[in-house]
Amino acid sequence: MRRETLYWVGSEVGLTAEQALPDCLLLAGFDPLMLGYEKKRNVFLPQAYLRGIFSLSGIVMPPVLLHGTVAGRWKRSGKRLQITMFRPFTPEERCSAEQAAEHIWGDTVTPVWLDA
């Protein structure tokens, strides 16, 4: 088994892990956070959700990042924001995702929750 050391650079500027990222981020498809790592070694993407973000044809779906970890993907279609959950979201996590959407689109979208 190969061992490696990962570093947290936020501590160098006085940030804790909790302060560095908002509770929820709606990342773009092909986001550098997904592409900046080898797929199977991405610290933000659990291996169980790999195919939910990276398709076999090379498409990178836009992920929902909750508490620094991919927990779903999203797709906007008109006024609908389809959020596919890879695991059940708590009511607080749903609220965080809705706030992230409102931050981006205001009140012009309505979230629709789907299970993967």
N, C-alpha and C. Protein backbone atom coordinates (compact mmCIF):
# COMPACT_ATOMS: atom_id res chain seq x y z
N MET A 1 0.83 -1.18 0.00
CA MET A 1 0.00 0.00 0.00
C MET A 1 0.88 1.25 0.00
N ARG A 2 0.55 2.17 -0.85
CA ARG A 2 1.33 3.40 -0.97
C ARG A 2 0.86 4.42 0.08
N ARG A 3 1.79 5.01 0.80
CA ARG A 3 1.46 6.02 1.80
C ARG A 3 1.83 7.39 1.26
N GLU A 4 1.03 8.37 1.62
CA GLU A 4 1.32 9.72 1.19
C GLU A 4 0.92 10.69 2.29
N THR A 5 1.51 11.86 2.24
CA THR A 5 1.21 12.91 3.20
C THR A 5 0.43 14.01 2.51
N LEU A 6 -0.69 14.41 3.12
CA LEU A 6 -1.49 15.50 2.60
C LEU A 6 -1.33 16.69 3.54
N TYR A 7 -1.34 17.89 2.99
CA TYR A 7 -1.13 19.09 3.79
C TYR A 7 -2.35 19.99 3.75
N TRP A 8 -2.62 20.65 4.85
CA TRP A 8 -3.70 21.62 4.95
C TRP A 8 -3.06 22.99 4.98
N VAL A 9 -3.21 23.78 3.90
CA VAL A 9 -2.55 25.08 3.82
C VAL A 9 -3.34 26.18 4.51
N GLY A 10 -4.59 25.93 4.83
CA GLY A 10 -5.39 26.93 5.51
C GLY A 10 -4.80 27.33 6.86
N SER A 11 -4.13 26.40 7.52
CA SER A 11 -3.55 26.70 8.83
C SER A 11 -2.45 27.75 8.73
N GLU A 12 -1.84 27.86 7.56
CA GLU A 12 -0.77 28.84 7.38
C GLU A 12 -1.29 30.27 7.35
N VAL A 13 -2.56 30.45 7.05
CA VAL A 13 -3.15 31.78 7.03
C VAL A 13 -4.14 31.98 8.17
N GLY A 14 -4.09 31.08 9.15
CA GLY A 14 -4.91 31.23 10.34
C GLY A 14 -6.34 30.73 10.21
N LEU A 15 -6.63 29.88 9.24
CA LEU A 15 -7.98 29.35 9.07
C LEU A 15 -8.06 27.92 9.57
N THR A 16 -9.16 27.60 10.22
CA THR A 16 -9.43 26.20 10.54
C THR A 16 -10.15 25.59 9.34
N ALA A 17 -10.26 24.28 9.30
CA ALA A 17 -10.95 23.62 8.19
C ALA A 17 -12.39 24.09 8.09
N GLU A 18 -13.05 24.33 9.23
CA GLU A 18 -14.44 24.77 9.22
C GLU A 18 -14.59 26.18 8.65
N GLN A 19 -13.59 27.03 8.80
CA GLN A 19 -13.68 28.41 8.32
C GLN A 19 -13.32 28.52 6.83
N ALA A 20 -12.62 27.58 6.30
CA ALA A 20 -12.09 27.71 4.94
C ALA A 20 -13.16 27.58 3.87
N LEU A 21 -14.18 26.77 4.07
CA LEU A 21 -15.21 26.55 3.07
C LEU A 21 -16.59 26.81 3.68
N PRO A 22 -17.50 27.35 2.89
CA PRO A 22 -18.89 27.45 3.37
C PRO A 22 -19.46 26.05 3.56
N ASP A 23 -20.58 25.95 4.27
CA ASP A 23 -21.21 24.64 4.49
C ASP A 23 -21.56 23.95 3.19
N CYS A 24 -21.99 24.73 2.19
CA CYS A 24 -22.38 24.14 0.91
C CYS A 24 -21.89 25.00 -0.24
N LEU A 25 -21.34 24.34 -1.24
CA LEU A 25 -20.94 25.00 -2.48
C LEU A 25 -21.54 24.23 -3.65
N LEU A 26 -22.08 24.95 -4.61
CA LEU A 26 -22.52 24.34 -5.86
C LEU A 26 -21.42 24.63 -6.87
N LEU A 27 -20.59 23.64 -7.10
CA LEU A 27 -19.45 23.80 -8.00
C LEU A 27 -19.88 23.61 -9.45
N ALA A 28 -19.10 24.15 -10.36
CA ALA A 28 -19.39 24.01 -11.79
C ALA A 28 -18.95 22.63 -12.28
N GLY A 29 -19.54 22.21 -13.39
CA GLY A 29 -19.02 21.02 -14.06
C GLY A 29 -17.59 21.30 -14.48
N PHE A 30 -16.76 20.32 -14.45
CA PHE A 30 -15.34 20.46 -14.79
C PHE A 30 -14.62 21.43 -13.85
N ASP A 31 -15.09 21.54 -12.60
CA ASP A 31 -14.47 22.43 -11.62
C ASP A 31 -13.04 21.96 -11.31
N PRO A 32 -12.10 22.90 -11.15
CA PRO A 32 -10.72 22.53 -10.84
C PRO A 32 -10.56 21.71 -9.56
N LEU A 33 -11.50 21.85 -8.63
CA LEU A 33 -11.42 21.05 -7.42
C LEU A 33 -11.61 19.57 -7.72
N MET A 34 -12.35 19.27 -8.77
CA MET A 34 -12.53 17.87 -9.18
C MET A 34 -11.42 17.43 -10.12
N LEU A 35 -10.96 18.33 -10.98
CA LEU A 35 -9.96 17.97 -11.98
C LEU A 35 -8.52 18.07 -11.49
N GLY A 36 -8.32 18.75 -10.36
CA GLY A 36 -6.97 18.98 -9.86
C GLY A 36 -6.36 17.77 -9.17
N TYR A 37 -7.11 16.70 -9.05
CA TYR A 37 -6.64 15.49 -8.39
C TYR A 37 -6.86 14.30 -9.31
N GLU A 38 -6.07 13.27 -9.13
CA GLU A 38 -6.36 12.01 -9.79
C GLU A 38 -7.72 11.55 -9.27
N LYS A 39 -8.61 11.12 -10.13
CA LYS A 39 -9.98 10.80 -9.75
C LYS A 39 -10.08 9.93 -8.49
N LYS A 40 -9.31 8.89 -8.47
CA LYS A 40 -9.41 7.93 -7.37
C LYS A 40 -8.70 8.39 -6.10
N ARG A 41 -8.06 9.56 -6.14
CA ARG A 41 -7.33 10.05 -4.97
C ARG A 41 -7.82 11.43 -4.53
N ASN A 42 -8.93 11.86 -5.07
CA ASN A 42 -9.46 13.18 -4.74
C ASN A 42 -9.96 13.19 -3.29
N VAL A 43 -9.41 14.09 -2.49
CA VAL A 43 -9.75 14.14 -1.06
C VAL A 43 -11.15 14.70 -0.83
N PHE A 44 -11.76 15.30 -1.85
CA PHE A 44 -13.09 15.87 -1.72
C PHE A 44 -14.19 14.95 -2.25
N LEU A 45 -13.80 13.91 -2.98
CA LEU A 45 -14.76 13.04 -3.66
C LEU A 45 -14.66 11.61 -3.14
N PRO A 46 -15.63 11.17 -2.33
CA PRO A 46 -15.63 9.78 -1.89
C PRO A 46 -15.71 8.84 -3.09
N GLN A 47 -14.99 7.76 -3.04
CA GLN A 47 -14.93 6.83 -4.17
C GLN A 47 -16.30 6.28 -4.54
N ALA A 48 -17.18 6.13 -3.56
CA ALA A 48 -18.52 5.61 -3.84
C ALA A 48 -19.31 6.53 -4.76
N TYR A 49 -18.95 7.81 -4.84
CA TYR A 49 -19.67 8.78 -5.65
C TYR A 49 -18.94 9.13 -6.95
N LEU A 50 -17.85 8.46 -7.23
CA LEU A 50 -17.02 8.78 -8.40
C LEU A 50 -17.84 8.82 -9.69
N ARG A 51 -18.63 7.79 -9.96
CA ARG A 51 -19.41 7.71 -11.21
C ARG A 51 -20.58 8.68 -11.21
N GLY A 52 -20.96 9.19 -10.07
CA GLY A 52 -22.01 10.20 -10.03
C GLY A 52 -21.52 11.55 -10.53
N ILE A 53 -20.20 11.78 -10.49
CA ILE A 53 -19.61 13.03 -10.95
C ILE A 53 -18.89 12.85 -12.27
N PHE A 54 -18.07 11.81 -12.40
CA PHE A 54 -17.32 11.54 -13.63
C PHE A 54 -18.02 10.45 -14.43
N SER A 55 -18.55 10.81 -15.60
CA SER A 55 -19.20 9.79 -16.44
C SER A 55 -18.13 9.01 -17.20
N LEU A 56 -18.51 7.86 -17.71
CA LEU A 56 -17.58 7.04 -18.48
C LEU A 56 -17.21 7.70 -19.81
N SER A 57 -18.04 8.65 -20.27
CA SER A 57 -17.75 9.33 -21.54
C SER A 57 -16.92 10.61 -21.34
N GLY A 58 -16.47 10.88 -20.11
CA GLY A 58 -15.59 12.01 -19.86
C GLY A 58 -16.26 13.29 -19.41
N ILE A 59 -17.55 13.25 -19.17
CA ILE A 59 -18.27 14.43 -18.69
C ILE A 59 -18.09 14.52 -17.17
N VAL A 60 -17.86 15.75 -16.68
CA VAL A 60 -17.74 15.98 -15.24
C VAL A 60 -18.96 16.78 -14.82
N MET A 61 -19.83 16.14 -14.05
CA MET A 61 -21.07 16.78 -13.61
C MET A 61 -20.77 17.81 -12.52
N PRO A 62 -21.62 18.82 -12.39
CA PRO A 62 -21.41 19.83 -11.34
C PRO A 62 -21.76 19.27 -9.96
N PRO A 63 -20.79 19.22 -9.05
CA PRO A 63 -21.03 18.61 -7.74
C PRO A 63 -21.61 19.58 -6.71
N VAL A 64 -22.28 18.99 -5.73
CA VAL A 64 -22.71 19.68 -4.52
C VAL A 64 -21.69 19.31 -3.45
N LEU A 65 -20.99 20.29 -2.94
CA LEU A 65 -19.97 20.07 -1.92
C LEU A 65 -20.57 20.47 -0.57
N LEU A 66 -20.74 19.48 0.32
CA LEU A 66 -21.27 19.73 1.66
C LEU A 66 -20.18 19.47 2.68
N HIS A 67 -19.90 20.46 3.49
CA HIS A 67 -18.87 20.33 4.54
C HIS A 67 -17.55 19.83 3.98
N GLY A 68 -17.21 20.28 2.78
CA GLY A 68 -15.93 19.93 2.17
C GLY A 68 -15.88 18.59 1.46
N THR A 69 -17.04 17.93 1.30
CA THR A 69 -17.08 16.62 0.65
C THR A 69 -18.23 16.57 -0.35
N VAL A 70 -17.98 15.98 -1.50
CA VAL A 70 -19.05 15.83 -2.49
C VAL A 70 -20.14 14.95 -1.90
N ALA A 71 -21.39 15.43 -2.00
CA ALA A 71 -22.53 14.69 -1.46
C ALA A 71 -23.65 14.56 -2.49
N GLY A 72 -23.46 15.17 -3.66
CA GLY A 72 -24.48 15.11 -4.69
C GLY A 72 -24.04 15.87 -5.93
N ARG A 73 -24.97 16.03 -6.86
CA ARG A 73 -24.72 16.84 -8.06
C ARG A 73 -25.96 17.66 -8.33
N TRP A 74 -25.78 18.70 -9.16
CA TRP A 74 -26.92 19.57 -9.45
C TRP A 74 -27.01 19.84 -10.94
N LYS A 75 -28.23 20.23 -11.36
CA LYS A 75 -28.46 20.61 -12.76
C LYS A 75 -29.59 21.63 -12.77
N ARG A 76 -29.35 22.74 -13.44
CA ARG A 76 -30.39 23.77 -13.55
C ARG A 76 -31.08 23.64 -14.90
N SER A 77 -32.39 23.66 -14.86
CA SER A 77 -33.18 23.60 -16.07
C SER A 77 -34.32 24.61 -15.92
N GLY A 78 -34.15 25.77 -16.54
CA GLY A 78 -35.13 26.84 -16.39
C GLY A 78 -35.18 27.32 -14.95
N LYS A 79 -36.36 27.23 -14.35
CA LYS A 79 -36.52 27.67 -12.97
C LYS A 79 -36.35 26.53 -11.96
N ARG A 80 -36.04 25.35 -12.48
CA ARG A 80 -35.84 24.19 -11.61
C ARG A 80 -34.36 23.96 -11.35
N LEU A 81 -34.02 23.72 -10.11
CA LEU A 81 -32.66 23.31 -9.75
C LEU A 81 -32.77 21.90 -9.22
N GLN A 82 -32.36 20.96 -10.05
CA GLN A 82 -32.44 19.55 -9.70
C GLN A 82 -31.20 19.18 -8.90
N ILE A 83 -31.38 18.75 -7.65
CA ILE A 83 -30.27 18.35 -6.81
C ILE A 83 -30.40 16.85 -6.55
N THR A 84 -29.44 16.10 -7.09
CA THR A 84 -29.41 14.65 -6.89
C THR A 84 -28.50 14.35 -5.71
N MET A 85 -29.10 13.77 -4.68
CA MET A 85 -28.36 13.46 -3.45
C MET A 85 -27.76 12.06 -3.54
N PHE A 86 -26.47 11.96 -3.27
CA PHE A 86 -25.83 10.65 -3.26
C PHE A 86 -26.06 9.93 -1.93
N ARG A 87 -26.47 10.69 -0.94
CA ARG A 87 -26.84 10.17 0.38
C ARG A 87 -27.93 11.09 0.91
N PRO A 88 -28.69 10.66 1.90
CA PRO A 88 -29.73 11.56 2.42
C PRO A 88 -29.12 12.82 3.04
N PHE A 89 -29.71 13.96 2.75
CA PHE A 89 -29.29 15.24 3.34
C PHE A 89 -30.13 15.48 4.59
N THR A 90 -29.51 16.04 5.59
CA THR A 90 -30.26 16.46 6.77
C THR A 90 -31.06 17.72 6.40
N PRO A 91 -32.06 18.09 7.20
CA PRO A 91 -32.77 19.34 6.92
C PRO A 91 -31.82 20.55 6.89
N GLU A 92 -30.81 20.55 7.74
CA GLU A 92 -29.84 21.66 7.76
C GLU A 92 -29.02 21.69 6.48
N GLU A 93 -28.65 20.51 5.96
CA GLU A 93 -27.88 20.45 4.71
C GLU A 93 -28.73 20.89 3.53
N ARG A 94 -30.00 20.53 3.53
CA ARG A 94 -30.90 21.00 2.46
C ARG A 94 -31.02 22.52 2.51
N CYS A 95 -31.12 23.05 3.71
CA CYS A 95 -31.21 24.51 3.88
C CYS A 95 -29.93 25.17 3.37
N SER A 96 -28.76 24.59 3.67
CA SER A 96 -27.48 25.14 3.20
C SER A 96 -27.41 25.12 1.68
N ALA A 97 -27.89 24.04 1.06
CA ALA A 97 -27.89 23.94 -0.40
C ALA A 97 -28.84 24.97 -1.00
N GLU A 98 -30.00 25.16 -0.38
CA GLU A 98 -30.95 26.16 -0.87
C GLU A 98 -30.36 27.57 -0.74
N GLN A 99 -29.64 27.83 0.34
CA GLN A 99 -28.99 29.13 0.53
C GLN A 99 -27.89 29.35 -0.51
N ALA A 100 -27.14 28.29 -0.81
CA ALA A 100 -26.10 28.40 -1.85
C ALA A 100 -26.73 28.72 -3.20
N ALA A 101 -27.85 28.08 -3.50
CA ALA A 101 -28.55 28.35 -4.76
C ALA A 101 -29.08 29.77 -4.78
N GLU A 102 -29.63 30.22 -3.68
CA GLU A 102 -30.15 31.59 -3.62
C GLU A 102 -29.04 32.61 -3.77
N HIS A 103 -27.87 32.29 -3.24
CA HIS A 103 -26.72 33.19 -3.38
C HIS A 103 -26.33 33.35 -4.86
N ILE A 104 -26.46 32.28 -5.63
CA ILE A 104 -26.08 32.31 -7.04
C ILE A 104 -27.20 32.89 -7.91
N TRP A 105 -28.45 32.38 -7.74
CA TRP A 105 -29.54 32.73 -8.64
C TRP A 105 -30.65 33.56 -8.01
N GLY A 106 -30.50 33.94 -6.76
CA GLY A 106 -31.58 34.65 -6.09
C GLY A 106 -32.77 33.72 -5.91
N ASP A 107 -33.97 34.26 -6.02
CA ASP A 107 -35.15 33.42 -5.84
C ASP A 107 -35.74 32.97 -7.18
N THR A 108 -34.91 32.91 -8.20
CA THR A 108 -35.39 32.54 -9.54
C THR A 108 -35.41 31.03 -9.78
N VAL A 109 -34.89 30.23 -8.83
CA VAL A 109 -34.92 28.77 -9.01
C VAL A 109 -35.64 28.11 -7.84
N THR A 110 -36.22 26.97 -8.13
CA THR A 110 -36.88 26.15 -7.12
C THR A 110 -36.16 24.82 -7.04
N PRO A 111 -35.60 24.46 -5.87
CA PRO A 111 -34.90 23.18 -5.75
C PRO A 111 -35.88 22.00 -5.85
N VAL A 112 -35.44 20.98 -6.56
CA VAL A 112 -36.15 19.71 -6.66
C VAL A 112 -35.17 18.65 -6.20
N TRP A 113 -35.55 17.89 -5.17
CA TRP A 113 -34.63 16.93 -4.55
C TRP A 113 -34.85 15.54 -5.12
N LEU A 114 -33.76 14.90 -5.57
CA LEU A 114 -33.81 13.55 -6.12
C LEU A 114 -32.81 12.65 -5.42
N ASP A 115 -33.13 11.39 -5.28
CA ASP A 115 -32.18 10.40 -4.78
C ASP A 115 -31.41 9.82 -5.96
N ALA A 116 -30.15 9.51 -5.73
CA ALA A 116 -29.32 8.94 -6.81
C ALA A 116 -29.73 7.52 -7.11
